[in-house]
Amino acid sequence: MVTGQDAPTARYRTIAADLAAKIRAGDYRPGEALPSQRDLSAAYGVTLMTLRQALRQLSDEGLIEQQPGRGTFVAPPHLAYRLGSLRSFADDLRDQGHEVRTTVVGRAVRRLPARIAGTLRTDTTDYGLRLERVRRPPRRAPGLVGSRVARGRAA
């Protein structure tokens, strides 16, 4: 029995690696359907069971989504946001090459609520700007973002 580094790579892993490379290279775009399982198994010269193992691996890696009765589709790109940073969500996504649309849905100058005034280290009699925006990352649900800025601190 051959083991370790001399063991041949399982055929399904080779197929998964090949399909992953094609997805990353843009041969298959996010949201695009892959060829049918029968077509792929014929193209790679393997059984449906072997092909399905490869597709399961790609699904586990988040590269594809299998939709029963519809087919197998390239998954949308993963969006990463560094929670510990002081950068904005939109800036992080733009740096990753994603377009983020922003729509201002509300703005008002109002007296700051006590909790917000305490967080901003200002007086409860101070006024501040309340800004609400909808952020729309690509192929994802939009998010509502609210910000408050104490008067005199806005740049």
Protein backbone atom coordinates (compact mmCIF):
# COMPACT_ATOMS: atom_id res chain seq x y z
CA MET A 1 0.00 0.00 0.00
CA VAL A 2 1.29 3.48 -0.92
CA THR A 3 0.95 6.15 1.78
CA GLY A 4 2.25 9.60 2.63
CA GLN A 5 3.88 11.80 0.02
CA ASP A 6 4.13 8.96 -2.51
CA ALA A 7 0.35 8.34 -2.51
CA PRO A 8 -1.40 9.43 -5.68
CA THR A 9 -3.87 12.29 -5.27
CA ALA A 10 -7.45 11.11 -5.20
CA ARG A 11 -9.09 11.81 -8.57
CA TYR A 12 -11.90 13.86 -7.00
CA ARG A 13 -9.33 16.17 -5.39
CA THR A 14 -7.64 16.73 -8.74
CA ILE A 15 -11.01 17.58 -10.30
CA ALA A 16 -11.90 19.89 -7.39
CA ALA A 17 -8.55 21.66 -7.70
CA ASP A 18 -9.02 22.08 -11.46
CA LEU A 19 -12.55 23.48 -11.10
CA ALA A 20 -11.42 25.75 -8.24
CA ALA A 21 -8.61 27.12 -10.44
CA LYS A 22 -11.09 27.78 -13.25
CA ILE A 23 -13.45 29.59 -10.85
CA ARG A 24 -10.64 31.72 -9.42
CA ALA A 25 -9.38 32.52 -12.93
CA GLY A 26 -12.83 33.75 -13.92
CA ASP A 27 -13.65 30.97 -16.38
CA TYR A 28 -16.84 30.55 -14.33
CA ARG A 29 -18.22 33.77 -12.86
CA PRO A 30 -20.14 34.23 -9.57
CA GLY A 31 -23.76 33.20 -10.07
CA GLU A 32 -22.97 31.31 -13.27
CA ALA A 33 -24.06 27.69 -13.58
CA LEU A 34 -21.41 25.02 -14.00
CA PRO A 35 -21.99 22.45 -16.72
CA SER A 36 -24.29 19.60 -15.69
CA GLN A 37 -22.90 16.83 -13.54
CA ARG A 38 -23.21 14.39 -16.45
CA ASP A 39 -21.27 16.73 -18.75
CA LEU A 40 -18.56 17.31 -16.13
CA SER A 41 -18.21 13.61 -15.32
CA ALA A 42 -17.86 12.84 -19.05
CA ALA A 43 -15.34 15.69 -19.52
CA TYR A 44 -13.19 14.41 -16.64
CA GLY A 45 -13.74 10.74 -17.51
CA VAL A 46 -15.05 9.78 -14.06
CA THR A 47 -18.23 8.40 -12.54
CA LEU A 48 -20.94 10.67 -11.18
CA MET A 49 -20.00 9.55 -7.67
CA THR A 50 -16.41 10.75 -8.10
CA LEU A 51 -17.56 14.04 -9.59
CA ARG A 52 -20.01 14.57 -6.72
CA GLN A 53 -17.17 14.12 -4.22
CA ALA A 54 -15.29 16.92 -6.02
CA LEU A 55 -18.36 19.15 -5.99
CA ARG A 56 -18.91 18.44 -2.30
CA GLN A 57 -15.35 19.57 -1.60
CA LEU A 58 -15.89 22.80 -3.57
CA SER A 59 -19.16 23.37 -1.72
CA ASP A 60 -17.41 22.86 1.63
CA GLU A 61 -14.82 25.44 0.55
CA GLY A 62 -17.60 27.91 -0.27
CA LEU A 63 -16.76 28.12 -3.98
CA ILE A 64 -20.03 26.68 -5.29
CA GLU A 65 -23.64 26.36 -4.26
CA GLN A 66 -25.71 23.34 -5.23
CA GLN A 67 -29.39 23.98 -5.77
CA PRO A 68 -31.48 20.81 -6.06
CA GLY A 69 -33.38 20.70 -9.31
CA ARG A 70 -31.57 23.77 -10.68
CA GLY A 71 -27.89 22.90 -10.84
CA THR A 72 -24.55 23.93 -9.44
CA PHE A 73 -23.59 27.60 -9.38
CA VAL A 74 -20.44 29.55 -8.58
CA ALA A 75 -20.89 31.15 -5.16
CA PRO A 76 -20.66 34.92 -4.77
CA PRO A 77 -17.28 36.13 -3.52
CA HIS A 78 -16.81 36.23 0.22
CA LEU A 79 -16.79 39.66 1.74
CA ALA A 80 -14.35 40.20 4.58
CA TYR A 81 -14.67 42.94 7.18
CA ARG A 82 -12.11 43.46 9.90
CA LEU A 83 -14.23 44.07 12.98
CA GLY A 84 -11.33 45.32 15.11
CA SER A 85 -10.37 48.08 12.70
CA LEU A 86 -11.48 51.69 12.56
CA ARG A 87 -12.04 51.45 8.81
CA SER A 88 -15.49 51.51 7.36
CA PHE A 89 -17.23 48.44 6.02
CA ALA A 90 -17.51 50.08 2.59
CA ASP A 91 -13.78 50.95 2.50
CA ASP A 92 -12.82 47.37 3.34
CA LEU A 93 -15.02 46.03 0.54
CA ARG A 94 -13.75 48.60 -1.98
CA ASP A 95 -10.17 47.57 -1.16
CA GLN A 96 -11.20 44.00 -2.06
CA GLY A 97 -12.45 45.21 -5.45
CA HIS A 98 -16.18 45.24 -4.65
CA GLU A 99 -18.47 48.11 -5.54
CA VAL A 100 -20.57 49.30 -2.60
CA ARG A 101 -23.47 51.64 -3.22
CA THR A 102 -24.56 53.98 -0.44
CA THR A 103 -27.87 55.82 -0.20
CA VAL A 104 -28.58 58.35 2.54
CA VAL A 105 -32.07 57.58 3.84
CA GLY A 106 -32.20 59.97 6.76
CA ARG A 107 -30.39 62.86 8.38
CA ALA A 108 -31.34 65.19 11.15
CA VAL A 109 -29.79 67.52 13.70
CA ARG A 110 -31.25 66.69 17.10
CA ARG A 111 -30.48 66.85 20.77
CA LEU A 112 -28.29 63.85 21.64
CA PRO A 113 -29.87 61.10 23.76
CA ALA A 114 -28.16 60.71 27.14
CA ARG A 115 -26.59 57.35 26.22
CA ILE A 116 -25.14 58.74 22.98
CA ALA A 117 -23.98 61.97 24.65
CA GLY A 118 -22.11 59.88 27.22
CA THR A 119 -20.48 57.77 24.51
CA LEU A 120 -19.45 60.89 22.58
CA ARG A 121 -18.31 62.54 25.83
CA THR A 122 -20.46 65.57 25.34
CA ASP A 123 -23.27 67.24 27.24
CA THR A 124 -26.87 66.01 26.99
CA THR A 125 -27.90 69.50 25.96
CA ASP A 126 -25.68 69.35 22.86
CA TYR A 127 -27.02 68.71 19.41
CA GLY A 128 -25.64 66.23 16.95
CA LEU A 129 -26.11 64.89 13.46
CA ARG A 130 -27.93 61.59 13.06
CA LEU A 131 -27.13 60.05 9.67
CA GLU A 132 -28.73 56.87 8.32
CA ARG A 133 -27.44 55.14 5.20
CA VAL A 134 -28.25 51.96 3.32
CA ARG A 135 -25.13 50.11 2.17
CA ARG A 136 -25.54 47.70 -0.73
CA PRO A 137 -22.61 45.32 -1.23
CA PRO A 138 -22.64 43.21 -4.40
CA ARG A 139 -25.06 40.25 -4.39
CA ARG A 140 -25.73 40.60 -0.67
CA ALA A 141 -28.56 41.90 1.47
CA PRO A 142 -28.33 45.64 2.10
CA GLY A 143 -27.51 46.92 5.56
CA LEU A 144 -28.73 49.98 7.43
CA VAL A 145 -25.91 51.99 9.00
CA GLY A 146 -26.57 54.71 11.54
CA SER A 147 -24.05 57.27 12.75
CA ARG A 148 -24.12 60.12 15.20
CA VAL A 149 -21.68 63.01 15.28
CA ALA A 150 -21.63 65.65 17.98
CA ARG A 151 -21.88 69.21 16.70
CA GLY A 152 -18.44 70.74 16.31
CA ARG A 153 -16.77 67.34 15.76
CA ALA A 154 -17.81 66.72 12.16
CA ALA A 155 -15.04 67.11 9.65
